């Protein structure tokens, strides 16, 4: 579903002809449906223009012209259609935090030399 939603986005939103999209559809399908897409749907996808009218889908920008695609709206549509909510792991506060050090009851640990 995500693949077809993305094809529709490219065709309607960017005006790419379906015949042009068909030329790189295999790599587009592979990138959209890779395992990591399920756990991190916000990973960017790039359409790189190799030559006039020839495009390729990739995970990194390359060539003279690259179009960055945020697949998150596509995945939101897919999850909404299925009736699920997007995973919200990225909304967890997993950044650096300040923690107070524990109080030491016995500052000397281990054996004492006599």
PDB file of N, CA and C in Angstrom:
ATOM      1  N   UNK A   1       0.817  -1.194   0.000  1.00  0.00           N
ATOM      2  CA  UNK A   1       0.000   0.000   0.000  1.00  0.00           C
ATOM      3  C   UNK A   1       0.859   1.257   0.000  1.00  0.00           C
ATOM      4  N   UNK A   2       1.956   1.226   0.768  1.00  0.00           N
ATOM      5  CA  UNK A   2       2.823   2.402   0.833  1.00  0.00           C
ATOM      6  C   UNK A   2       3.437   2.693  -0.534  1.00  0.00           C
ATOM      7  N   UNK A   3       3.792   1.653  -1.254  1.00  0.00           N
ATOM      8  CA  UNK A   3       4.379   1.820  -2.583  1.00  0.00           C
ATOM      9  C   UNK A   3       3.396   2.530  -3.515  1.00  0.00           C
ATOM     10  N   UNK A   4       2.164   2.057  -3.575  1.00  0.00           N
ATOM     11  CA  UNK A   4       1.184   2.658  -4.470  1.00  0.00           C
ATOM     12  C   UNK A   4       0.804   4.071  -4.033  1.00  0.00           C
ATOM     13  N   UNK A   5       0.788   4.309  -2.747  1.00  0.00           N
ATOM     14  CA  UNK A   5       0.529   5.651  -2.248  1.00  0.00           C
ATOM     15  C   UNK A   5       1.649   6.603  -2.666  1.00  0.00           C
ATOM     16  N   UNK A   6       2.884   6.117  -2.605  1.00  0.00           N
ATOM     17  CA  UNK A   6       4.028   6.931  -3.009  1.00  0.00           C
ATOM     18  C   UNK A   6       4.027   7.181  -4.517  1.00  0.00           C
ATOM     19  N   UNK A   7       3.668   6.174  -5.298  1.00  0.00           N
ATOM     20  CA  UNK A   7       3.555   6.355  -6.753  1.00  0.00           C
ATOM     21  C   UNK A   7       2.503   7.424  -7.065  1.00  0.00           C
ATOM     22  N   UNK A   8       1.383   7.368  -6.380  1.00  0.00           N
ATOM     23  CA  UNK A   8       0.337   8.378  -6.585  1.00  0.00           C
ATOM     24  C   UNK A   8       0.843   9.771  -6.209  1.00  0.00           C
ATOM     25  N   UNK A   9       1.604   9.862  -5.123  1.00  0.00           N
ATOM     26  CA  UNK A   9       2.165  11.141  -4.701  1.00  0.00           C
ATOM     27  C   UNK A   9       3.117  11.697  -5.764  1.00  0.00           C
ATOM     28  N   UNK A  10       3.974  10.845  -6.295  1.00  0.00           N
ATOM     29  CA  UNK A  10       4.922  11.285  -7.320  1.00  0.00           C
ATOM     30  C   UNK A  10       4.206  11.708  -8.603  1.00  0.00           C
ATOM     31  N   UNK A  11       3.171  10.967  -8.957  1.00  0.00           N
ATOM     32  CA  UNK A  11       2.447  11.265 -10.190  1.00  0.00           C
ATOM     33  C   UNK A  11       1.590  12.528 -10.048  1.00  0.00           C
ATOM     34  N   UNK A  12       0.813  12.585  -8.972  1.00  0.00           N
ATOM     35  CA  UNK A  12      -0.090  13.733  -8.783  1.00  0.00           C
ATOM     36  C   UNK A  12       0.632  14.964  -8.266  1.00  0.00           C
ATOM     37  N   UNK A  13       1.501  14.750  -7.276  1.00  0.00           N
ATOM     38  CA  UNK A  13       2.166  15.882  -6.630  1.00  0.00           C
ATOM     39  C   UNK A  13       3.297  16.488  -7.434  1.00  0.00           C
ATOM     40  N   UNK A  14       4.118  15.643  -8.060  1.00  0.00           N
ATOM     41  CA  UNK A  14       5.262  16.152  -8.813  1.00  0.00           C
ATOM     42  C   UNK A  14       5.035  16.152 -10.320  1.00  0.00           C
ATOM     43  N   UNK A  15       3.978  15.480 -10.751  1.00  0.00           N
ATOM     44  CA  UNK A  15       3.700  15.436 -12.175  1.00  0.00           C
ATOM     45  C   UNK A  15       4.602  14.491 -12.957  1.00  0.00           C
ATOM     46  N   UNK A  16       5.267  13.557 -12.271  1.00  0.00           N
ATOM     47  CA  UNK A  16       6.080  12.574 -12.988  1.00  0.00           C
ATOM     48  C   UNK A  16       5.170  11.619 -13.741  1.00  0.00           C
ATOM     49  N   UNK A  17       5.451  11.383 -15.011  1.00  0.00           N
ATOM     50  CA  UNK A  17       4.628  10.423 -15.762  1.00  0.00           C
ATOM     51  C   UNK A  17       4.772   9.013 -15.194  1.00  0.00           C
ATOM     52  N   UNK A  18       3.716   8.249 -15.270  1.00  0.00           N
ATOM     53  CA  UNK A  18       3.730   6.882 -14.755  1.00  0.00           C
ATOM     54  C   UNK A  18       4.790   6.048 -15.476  1.00  0.00           C
ATOM     55  N   UNK A  19       5.020   6.322 -16.755  1.00  0.00           N
ATOM     56  CA  UNK A  19       6.052   5.578 -17.489  1.00  0.00           C
ATOM     57  C   UNK A  19       7.450   5.866 -16.931  1.00  0.00           C
ATOM     58  N   UNK A  20       7.682   7.089 -16.484  1.00  0.00           N
ATOM     59  CA  UNK A  20       8.969   7.433 -15.865  1.00  0.00           C
ATOM     60  C   UNK A  20       9.098   6.743 -14.513  1.00  0.00           C
ATOM     61  N   UNK A  21       8.040   6.759 -13.734  1.00  0.00           N
ATOM     62  CA  UNK A  21       8.058   6.100 -12.417  1.00  0.00           C
ATOM     63  C   UNK A  21       8.263   4.600 -12.592  1.00  0.00           C
ATOM     64  N   UNK A  22       7.690   4.022 -13.633  1.00  0.00           N
ATOM     65  CA  UNK A  22       7.826   2.579 -13.874  1.00  0.00           C
ATOM     66  C   UNK A  22       9.278   2.170 -14.081  1.00  0.00           C
ATOM     67  N   UNK A  23      10.103   3.067 -14.610  1.00  0.00           N
ATOM     68  CA  UNK A  23      11.514   2.737 -14.856  1.00  0.00           C
ATOM     69  C   UNK A  23      12.303   2.518 -13.567  1.00  0.00           C
ATOM     70  N   UNK A  24      11.935   3.207 -12.488  1.00  0.00           N
ATOM     71  CA  UNK A  24      12.650   3.016 -11.223  1.00  0.00           C
ATOM     72  C   UNK A  24      11.737   2.411 -10.150  1.00  0.00           C
ATOM     73  N   UNK A  25      10.628   1.830 -10.573  1.00  0.00           N
ATOM     74  CA  UNK A  25       9.648   1.306  -9.616  1.00  0.00           C
ATOM     75  C   UNK A  25      10.195   0.136  -8.788  1.00  0.00           C
ATOM     76  N   UNK A  26      11.071  -0.675  -9.350  1.00  0.00           N
ATOM     77  CA  UNK A  26      11.620  -1.803  -8.588  1.00  0.00           C
ATOM     78  C   UNK A  26      12.455  -1.313  -7.414  1.00  0.00           C
ATOM     79  N   UNK A  27      13.350  -0.349  -7.659  1.00  0.00           N
ATOM     80  CA  UNK A  27      14.164   0.167  -6.544  1.00  0.00           C
ATOM     81  C   UNK A  27      13.304   0.962  -5.568  1.00  0.00           C
ATOM     82  N   UNK A  28      12.298   1.665  -6.075  1.00  0.00           N
ATOM     83  CA  UNK A  28      11.382   2.394  -5.193  1.00  0.00           C
ATOM     84  C   UNK A  28      10.642   1.424  -4.278  1.00  0.00           C
ATOM     85  N   UNK A  29      10.154   0.338  -4.850  1.00  0.00           N
ATOM     86  CA  UNK A  29       9.454  -0.685  -4.071  1.00  0.00           C
ATOM     87  C   UNK A  29      10.382  -1.285  -3.004  1.00  0.00           C
ATOM     88  N   UNK A  30      11.613  -1.596  -3.392  1.00  0.00           N
ATOM     89  CA  UNK A  30      12.573  -2.188  -2.447  1.00  0.00           C
ATOM     90  C   UNK A  30      12.869  -1.247  -1.278  1.00  0.00           C
ATOM     91  N   UNK A  31      13.037   0.039  -1.563  1.00  0.00           N
ATOM     92  CA  UNK A  31      13.347   0.995  -0.500  1.00  0.00           C
ATOM     93  C   UNK A  31      12.154   1.245   0.413  1.00  0.00           C
ATOM     94  N   UNK A  32      10.980   1.311  -0.148  1.00  0.00           N
ATOM     95  CA  UNK A  32       9.775   1.579   0.657  1.00  0.00           C
ATOM     96  C   UNK A  32       9.443   0.385   1.550  1.00  0.00           C
ATOM     97  N   UNK A  33       9.642  -0.809   1.049  1.00  0.00           N
ATOM     98  CA  UNK A  33       9.232  -2.005   1.781  1.00  0.00           C
ATOM     99  C   UNK A  33      10.358  -2.719   2.510  1.00  0.00           C
ATOM    100  N   UNK A  34      11.499  -2.067   2.678  1.00  0.00           N
ATOM    101  CA  UNK A  34      12.576  -2.701   3.445  1.00  0.00           C
ATOM    102  C   UNK A  34      12.156  -2.801   4.903  1.00  0.00           C
ATOM    103  N   UNK A  35      12.751  -3.707   5.616  1.00  0.00           N
ATOM    104  CA  UNK A  35      12.356  -3.993   6.999  1.00  0.00           C
ATOM    105  C   UNK A  35      12.428  -2.764   7.889  1.00  0.00           C
ATOM    106  N   UNK A  36      13.451  -1.918   7.716  1.00  0.00           N
ATOM    107  CA  UNK A  36      13.592  -0.762   8.593  1.00  0.00           C
ATOM    108  C   UNK A  36      12.484   0.256   8.388  1.00  0.00           C
ATOM    109  N   UNK A  37      11.775   0.213   7.272  1.00  0.00           N
ATOM    110  CA  UNK A  37      10.664   1.148   7.057  1.00  0.00           C
ATOM    111  C   UNK A  37       9.568   0.945   8.085  1.00  0.00           C
ATOM    112  N   UNK A  38       9.427  -0.278   8.571  1.00  0.00           N
ATOM    113  CA  UNK A  38       8.384  -0.548   9.548  1.00  0.00           C
ATOM    114  C   UNK A  38       8.734   0.021  10.909  1.00  0.00           C
ATOM    115  N   UNK A  39      10.021   0.032  11.257  1.00  0.00           N
ATOM    116  CA  UNK A  39      10.407   0.514  12.575  1.00  0.00           C
ATOM    117  C   UNK A  39      10.726   2.006  12.572  1.00  0.00           C
ATOM    118  N   UNK A  40      11.145   2.546  11.437  1.00  0.00           N
ATOM    119  CA  UNK A  40      11.438   3.974  11.377  1.00  0.00           C
ATOM    120  C   UNK A  40      10.895   4.555  10.079  1.00  0.00           C
ATOM    121  N   UNK A  41       9.589   4.774  10.021  1.00  0.00           N
ATOM    122  CA  UNK A  41       8.987   5.229   8.777  1.00  0.00           C
ATOM    123  C   UNK A  41       9.385   6.629   8.354  1.00  0.00           C
ATOM    124  N   UNK A  42      10.092   7.365   9.198  1.00  0.00           N
ATOM    125  CA  UNK A  42      10.458   8.722   8.843  1.00  0.00           C
ATOM    126  C   UNK A  42      11.783   8.810   8.102  1.00  0.00           C
ATOM    127  N   UNK A  43      12.432   7.689   7.803  1.00  0.00           N
ATOM    128  CA  UNK A  43      13.687   7.713   7.070  1.00  0.00           C
ATOM    129  C   UNK A  43      13.452   8.310   5.690  1.00  0.00           C
ATOM    130  N   UNK A  44      14.333   9.198   5.276  1.00  0.00           N
ATOM    131  CA  UNK A  44      14.185   9.889   3.988  1.00  0.00           C
ATOM    132  C   UNK A  44      14.465   8.958   2.816  1.00  0.00           C
ATOM    133  N   UNK A  45      13.799   9.239   1.740  1.00  0.00           N
ATOM    134  CA  UNK A  45      14.007   8.541   0.480  1.00  0.00           C
ATOM    135  C   UNK A  45      14.329   9.611  -0.551  1.00  0.00           C
ATOM    136  N   UNK A  46      15.281   9.333  -1.426  1.00  0.00           N
ATOM    137  CA  UNK A  46      15.687  10.318  -2.422  1.00  0.00           C
ATOM    138  C   UNK A  46      15.449   9.787  -3.827  1.00  0.00           C
ATOM    139  N   UNK A  47      14.948  10.647  -4.687  1.00  0.00           N
ATOM    140  CA  UNK A  47      14.872  10.363  -6.113  1.00  0.00           C
ATOM    141  C   UNK A  47      15.987  11.159  -6.765  1.00  0.00           C
ATOM    142  N   UNK A  48      16.913  10.460  -7.376  1.00  0.00           N
ATOM    143  CA  UNK A  48      18.068  11.089  -7.997  1.00  0.00           C
ATOM    144  C   UNK A  48      17.939  11.014  -9.512  1.00  0.00           C
ATOM    145  N   UNK A  49      18.167  12.149 -10.171  1.00  0.00           N
ATOM    146  CA  UNK A  49      18.114  12.159 -11.628  1.00  0.00           C
ATOM    147  C   UNK A  49      19.484  11.744 -12.150  1.00  0.00           C
ATOM    148  N   UNK A  50      19.530  10.592 -12.802  1.00  0.00           N
ATOM    149  CA  UNK A  50      20.765  10.042 -13.341  1.00  0.00           C
ATOM    150  C   UNK A  50      21.109  10.747 -14.652  1.00  0.00           C
ATOM    151  N   UNK A  51      20.121  10.900 -15.516  1.00  0.00           N
ATOM    152  CA  UNK A  51      20.258  11.641 -16.769  1.00  0.00           C
ATOM    153  C   UNK A  51      18.876  12.165 -17.136  1.00  0.00           C
ATOM    154  N   UNK A  52      18.776  12.823 -18.248  1.00  0.00           N
ATOM    155  CA  UNK A  52      17.494  13.414 -18.657  1.00  0.00           C
ATOM    156  C   UNK A  52      16.396  12.364 -18.718  1.00  0.00           C
ATOM    157  N   UNK A  53      15.404  12.496 -17.837  1.00  0.00           N
ATOM    158  CA  UNK A  53      14.270  11.576 -17.812  1.00  0.00           C
ATOM    159  C   UNK A  53      14.526  10.248 -17.128  1.00  0.00           C
ATOM    160  N   UNK A  54      15.742  10.039 -16.619  1.00  0.00           N
ATOM    161  CA  UNK A  54      16.069   8.780 -15.941  1.00  0.00           C
ATOM    162  C   UNK A  54      16.302   9.066 -14.464  1.00  0.00           C
ATOM    163  N   UNK A  55      15.516   8.405 -13.624  1.00  0.00           N
ATOM    164  CA  UNK A  55      15.574   8.605 -12.176  1.00  0.00           C
ATOM    165  C   UNK A  55      15.872   7.282 -11.493  1.00  0.00           C
ATOM    166  N   UNK A  56      16.388   7.373 -10.266  1.00  0.00           N
ATOM    167  CA  UNK A  56      16.584   6.188  -9.432  1.00  0.00           C
ATOM    168  C   UNK A  56      16.215   6.536  -7.999  1.00  0.00           C
ATOM    169  N   UNK A  57      15.717   5.543  -7.282  1.00  0.00           N
ATOM    170  CA  UNK A  57      15.390   5.725  -5.870  1.00  0.00           C
ATOM    171  C   UNK A  57      16.594   5.289  -5.056  1.00  0.00           C
ATOM    172  N   UNK A  58      16.919   6.053  -4.013  1.00  0.00           N
ATOM    173  CA  UNK A  58      18.085   5.745  -3.184  1.00  0.00           C
ATOM    174  C   UNK A  58      17.877   6.291  -1.783  1.00  0.00           C
ATOM    175  N   UNK A  59      18.758   5.894  -0.878  1.00  0.00           N
ATOM    176  CA  UNK A  59      18.709   6.379   0.496  1.00  0.00           C
ATOM    177  C   UNK A  59      19.595   7.605   0.713  1.00  0.00           C
ATOM    178  N   UNK A  60      20.415   7.945  -0.278  1.00  0.00           N
ATOM    179  CA  UNK A  60      21.307   9.104  -0.203  1.00  0.00           C
ATOM    180  C   UNK A  60      21.131   9.937  -1.467  1.00  0.00           C
ATOM    181  N   UNK A  61      21.272  11.266  -1.352  1.00  0.00           N
ATOM    182  CA  UNK A  61      21.205  12.087  -2.561  1.00  0.00           C
ATOM    183  C   UNK A  61      22.440  11.865  -3.433  1.00  0.00           C
ATOM    184  N   UNK A  62      22.257  11.912  -4.740  1.00  0.00           N
ATOM    185  CA  UNK A  62      23.367  11.737  -5.681  1.00  0.00           C
ATOM    186  C   UNK A  62      23.003  12.407  -6.990  1.00  0.00           C
ATOM    187  N   UNK A  63      24.005  12.754  -7.771  1.00  0.00           N
ATOM    188  CA  UNK A  63      23.758  13.348  -9.077  1.00  0.00           C
ATOM    189  C   UNK A  63      23.474  14.832  -8.990  1.00  0.00           C
ATOM    190  N   UNK A  64      23.092  15.380 -10.122  1.00  0.00           N
ATOM    191  CA  UNK A  64      22.862  16.819 -10.208  1.00  0.00           C
ATOM    192  C   UNK A  64      21.555  17.274  -9.594  1.00  0.00           C
ATOM    193  N   UNK A  65      20.539  16.400  -9.593  1.00  0.00           N
ATOM    194  CA  UNK A  65      19.232  16.767  -9.063  1.00  0.00           C
ATOM    195  C   UNK A  65      18.699  15.637  -8.203  1.00  0.00           C
ATOM    196  N   UNK A  66      18.374  15.952  -6.975  1.00  0.00           N
ATOM    197  CA  UNK A  66      17.797  14.968  -6.049  1.00  0.00           C
ATOM    198  C   UNK A  66      16.545  15.550  -5.427  1.00  0.00           C
ATOM    199  N   UNK A  67      15.553  14.714  -5.301  1.00  0.00           N
ATOM    200  CA  UNK A  67      14.308  15.109  -4.652  1.00  0.00           C
ATOM    201  C   UNK A  67      14.197  14.308  -3.368  1.00  0.00           C
ATOM    202  N   UNK A  68      14.086  15.005  -2.255  1.00  0.00           N
ATOM    203  CA  UNK A  68      13.954  14.356  -0.955  1.00  0.00           C
ATOM    204  C   UNK A  68      12.474  14.107  -0.680  1.00  0.00           C
ATOM    205  N   UNK A  69      12.169  12.865  -0.318  1.00  0.00           N
ATOM    206  CA  UNK A  69      10.783  12.504  -0.029  1.00  0.00           C
ATOM    207  C   UNK A  69      10.680  12.080   1.428  1.00  0.00           C
ATOM    208  N   UNK A  70       9.765  12.709   2.133  1.00  0.00           N
ATOM    209  CA  UNK A  70       9.472  12.316   3.502  1.00  0.00           C
ATOM    210  C   UNK A  70       8.349  11.291   3.454  1.00  0.00           C
ATOM    211  N   UNK A  71       8.642  10.015   3.709  1.00  0.00           N
ATOM    212  CA  UNK A  71       7.607   8.995   3.589  1.00  0.00           C
ATOM    213  C   UNK A  71       6.631   8.953   4.766  1.00  0.00           C
ATOM    214  N   UNK A  72       6.824   9.790   5.770  1.00  0.00           N
ATOM    215  CA  UNK A  72       5.942   9.756   6.933  1.00  0.00           C
ATOM    216  C   UNK A  72       4.471   9.979   6.582  1.00  0.00           C
ATOM    217  N   UNK A  73       4.132  10.976   5.730  1.00  0.00           N
ATOM    218  CA  UNK A  73       2.712  11.119   5.363  1.00  0.00           C
ATOM    219  C   UNK A  73       2.156   9.887   4.647  1.00  0.00           C
ATOM    220  N   UNK A  74       2.998   9.238   3.843  1.00  0.00           N
ATOM    221  CA  UNK A  74       2.565   8.019   3.154  1.00  0.00           C
ATOM    222  C   UNK A  74       2.245   6.936   4.179  1.00  0.00           C
ATOM    223  N   UNK A  75       3.161   6.752   5.143  1.00  0.00           N
ATOM    224  CA  UNK A  75       2.937   5.725   6.168  1.00  0.00           C
ATOM    225  C   UNK A  75       1.743   6.067   7.052  1.00  0.00           C
ATOM    226  N   UNK A  76       1.522   7.360   7.333  1.00  0.00           N
ATOM    227  CA  UNK A  76       0.347   7.759   8.125  1.00  0.00           C
ATOM    228  C   UNK A  76      -0.935   7.371   7.407  1.00  0.00           C
ATOM    229  N   UNK A  77      -0.954   7.598   6.091  1.00  0.00           N
ATOM    230  CA  UNK A  77      -2.135   7.212   5.303  1.00  0.00           C
ATOM    231  C   UNK A  77      -2.351   5.700   5.341  1.00  0.00           C
ATOM    232  N   UNK A  78      -1.266   4.947   5.222  1.00  0.00           N
ATOM    233  CA  UNK A  78      -1.368   3.480   5.248  1.00  0.00           C
ATOM    234  C   UNK A  78      -1.888   3.014   6.600  1.00  0.00           C
ATOM    235  N   UNK A  79      -1.310   3.517   7.684  1.00  0.00           N
ATOM    236  CA  UNK A  79      -1.753   3.122   9.021  1.00  0.00           C
ATOM    237  C   UNK A  79      -3.204   3.531   9.258  1.00  0.00           C
ATOM    238  N   UNK A  80      -3.581   4.730   8.794  1.00  0.00           N
ATOM    239  CA  UNK A  80      -4.964   5.180   8.973  1.00  0.00           C
ATOM    240  C   UNK A  80      -5.929   4.303   8.188  1.00  0.00           C
ATOM    241  N   UNK A  81      -5.543   3.900   6.983  1.00  0.00           N
ATOM    242  CA  UNK A  81      -6.397   3.042   6.170  1.00  0.00           C
ATOM    243  C   UNK A  81      -6.608   1.684   6.838  1.00  0.00           C
ATOM    244  N   UNK A  82      -5.538   1.164   7.444  1.00  0.00           N
ATOM    245  CA  UNK A  82      -5.623  -0.135   8.124  1.00  0.00           C
ATOM    246  C   UNK A  82      -6.371  -0.008   9.455  1.00  0.00           C
ATOM    247  N   UNK A  83      -6.386   1.196  10.023  1.00  0.00           N
ATOM    248  CA  UNK A  83      -7.060   1.404  11.294  1.00  0.00           C
ATOM    249  C   UNK A  83      -6.118   1.354  12.480  1.00  0.00           C
ATOM    250  N   UNK A  84      -4.831   1.576  12.223  1.00  0.00           N
ATOM    251  CA  UNK A  84      -3.835   1.579  13.294  1.00  0.00           C
ATOM    252  C   UNK A  84      -3.266   2.977  13.458  1.00  0.00           C
ATOM    253  N   UNK A  85      -2.562   3.165  14.558  1.00  0.00           N
ATOM    254  CA  UNK A  85      -1.865   4.430  14.773  1.00  0.00           C
ATOM    255  C   UNK A  85      -0.395   4.233  14.466  1.00  0.00           C
ATOM    256  N   UNK A  86       0.252   5.307  14.006  1.00  0.00           N
ATOM    257  CA  UNK A  86       1.692   5.261  13.741  1.00  0.00           C
ATOM    258  C   UNK A  86       2.422   4.948  15.046  1.00  0.00           C
ATOM    259  N   UNK A  87       3.510   4.173  14.970  1.00  0.00           N
ATOM    260  CA  UNK A  87       4.326   3.963  16.173  1.00  0.00           C
ATOM    261  C   UNK A  87       4.847   5.310  16.669  1.00  0.00           C
ATOM    262  N   UNK A  88       4.789   5.524  17.966  1.00  0.00           N
ATOM    263  CA  UNK A  88       5.179   6.819  18.519  1.00  0.00           C
ATOM    264  C   UNK A  88       6.494   6.744  19.286  1.00  0.00           C
ATOM    265  N   UNK A  89       7.330   5.785  18.970  1.00  0.00           N
ATOM    266  CA  UNK A  89       8.604   5.657  19.678  1.00  0.00           C
ATOM    267  C   UNK A  89       9.447   6.910  19.569  1.00  0.00           C
ATOM    268  N   UNK A  90       9.451   7.562  18.406  1.00  0.00           N
ATOM    269  CA  UNK A  90      10.302   8.733  18.241  1.00  0.00           C
ATOM    270  C   UNK A  90       9.845   9.888  19.124  1.00  0.00           C
ATOM    271  N   UNK A  91       8.630   9.815  19.695  1.00  0.00           N
ATOM    272  CA  UNK A  91       8.141  10.874  20.552  1.00  0.00           C
ATOM    273  C   UNK A  91       8.579  10.682  22.010  1.00  0.00           C
ATOM    274  N   UNK A  92       9.214   9.550  22.314  1.00  0.00           N
ATOM    275  CA  UNK A  92       9.702   9.329  23.660  1.00  0.00           C
ATOM    276  C   UNK A  92      10.899  10.230  23.933  1.00  0.00           C
ATOM    277  N   UNK A  93      11.028  10.696  25.148  1.00  0.00           N
ATOM    278  CA  UNK A  93      12.153  11.553  25.524  1.00  0.00           C
ATOM    279  C   UNK A  93      13.371  10.678  25.813  1.00  0.00           C
ATOM    280  N   UNK A  94      14.092  10.330  24.760  1.00  0.00           N
ATOM    281  CA  UNK A  94      15.257   9.464  24.921  1.00  0.00           C
ATOM    282  C   UNK A  94      16.564  10.237  24.810  1.00  0.00           C
ATOM    283  N   UNK A  95      16.516  11.536  24.941  1.00  0.00           N
ATOM    284  CA  UNK A  95      17.716  12.345  24.853  1.00  0.00           C
ATOM    285  C   UNK A  95      18.504  12.296  26.156  1.00  0.00           C
ATOM    286  N   UNK A  96      19.559  13.090  26.212  1.00  0.00           N
ATOM    287  CA  UNK A  96      20.374  13.152  27.423  1.00  0.00           C
ATOM    288  C   UNK A  96      19.598  13.854  28.532  1.00  0.00           C
ATOM    289  N   UNK A  97      19.714  13.329  29.734  1.00  0.00           N
ATOM    290  CA  UNK A  97      19.049  13.929  30.881  1.00  0.00           C
ATOM    291  C   UNK A  97      20.045  14.036  32.014  1.00  0.00           C
ATOM    292  N   UNK A  98      19.774  14.935  32.922  1.00  0.00           N
ATOM    293  CA  UNK A  98      20.613  15.109  34.097  1.00  0.00           C
ATOM    294  C   UNK A  98      20.053  14.256  35.230  1.00  0.00           C
ATOM    295  N   UNK A  99      20.902  13.471  35.839  1.00  0.00           N
ATOM    296  CA  UNK A  99      20.489  12.594  36.924  1.00  0.00           C
ATOM    297  C   UNK A  99      21.311  12.938  38.153  1.00  0.00           C
ATOM    298  N   UNK A 100      20.643  13.040  39.302  1.00  0.00           N
ATOM    299  CA  UNK A 100      21.377  13.310  40.533  1.00  0.00           C
ATOM    300  C   UNK A 100      22.136  12.053  40.942  1.00  0.00           C
ATOM    301  N   UNK A 101      23.390  12.198  41.370  1.00  0.00           N
ATOM    302  CA  UNK A 101      24.177  11.019  41.755  1.00  0.00           C
ATOM    303  C   UNK A 101      23.617  10.396  43.027  1.00  0.00           C
ATOM    304  N   UNK A 102      23.735   9.074  43.170  1.00  0.00           N
ATOM    305  CA  UNK A 102      23.248   8.433  44.393  1.00  0.00           C
ATOM    306  C   UNK A 102      24.114   8.830  45.586  1.00  0.00           C
ATOM    307  N   UNK A 103      23.487   8.863  46.756  1.00  0.00           N
ATOM    308  CA  UNK A 103      24.226   9.176  47.975  1.00  0.00           C
ATOM    309  C   UNK A 103      25.085   7.979  48.350  1.00  0.00           C
ATOM    310  N   UNK A 104      26.338   8.249  48.660  1.00  0.00           N
ATOM    311  CA  UNK A 104      27.243   7.168  49.056  1.00  0.00           C
ATOM    312  C   UNK A 104      27.218   7.025  50.568  1.00  0.00           C
ATOM    313  N   UNK A 105      26.872   5.860  51.034  1.00  0.00           N
ATOM    314  CA  UNK A 105      26.860   5.610  52.479  1.00  0.00           C
ATOM    315  C   UNK A 105      28.256   5.278  52.962  1.00  0.00           C
ATOM    316  N   UNK A 106      28.960   4.462  52.196  1.00  0.00           N
ATOM    317  CA  UNK A 106      30.311   4.082  52.553  1.00  0.00           C
ATOM    318  C   UNK A 106      31.221   4.501  51.398  1.00  0.00           C
ATOM    319  N   UNK A 107      31.942   5.630  51.584  1.00  0.00           N
ATOM    320  CA  UNK A 107      32.735   6.127  50.487  1.00  0.00           C
ATOM    321  C   UNK A 107      33.869   5.192  50.081  1.00  0.00           C
ATOM    322  N   UNK A 108      34.310   4.304  50.992  1.00  0.00           N
ATOM    323  CA  UNK A 108      35.398   3.386  50.694  1.00  0.00           C
ATOM    324  C   UNK A 108      34.801   2.035  50.371  1.00  0.00           C
ATOM    325  N   UNK A 109      35.084   1.551  49.208  1.00  0.00           N
ATOM    326  CA  UNK A 109      34.563   0.248  48.802  1.00  0.00           C
ATOM    327  C   UNK A 109      35.717  -0.731  48.734  1.00  0.00           C
ATOM    328  N   UNK A 110      35.416  -1.967  48.968  1.00  0.00           N
ATOM    329  CA  UNK A 110      36.451  -2.994  48.907  1.00  0.00           C
ATOM    330  C   UNK A 110      37.175  -3.128  50.241  1.00  0.00           C
ATOM    331  N   UNK A 111      38.325  -3.769  50.231  1.00  0.00           N
ATOM    332  CA  UNK A 111      39.091  -3.989  51.473  1.00  0.00           C
ATOM    333  C   UNK A 111      40.014  -2.813  51.752  1.00  0.00           C
ATOM    334  N   UNK A 112      40.237  -2.595  53.020  1.00  0.00           N
ATOM    335  CA  UNK A 112      41.189  -1.568  53.420  1.00  0.00           C
ATOM    336  C   UNK A 112      42.534  -2.204  53.693  1.00  0.00           C
ATOM    337  N   UNK A 113      43.545  -1.548  53.246  1.00  0.00           N
ATOM    338  CA  UNK A 113      44.901  -2.065  53.494  1.00  0.00           C
ATOM    339  C   UNK A 113      45.281  -1.774  54.938  1.00  0.00           C
ATOM    340  N   UNK A 114      45.923  -2.736  55.576  1.00  0.00           N
ATOM    341  CA  UNK A 114      46.311  -2.499  56.961  1.00  0.00           C
ATOM    342  C   UNK A 114      47.780  -2.307  57.128  1.00  0.00           C
TER     343      UNK A 114
END
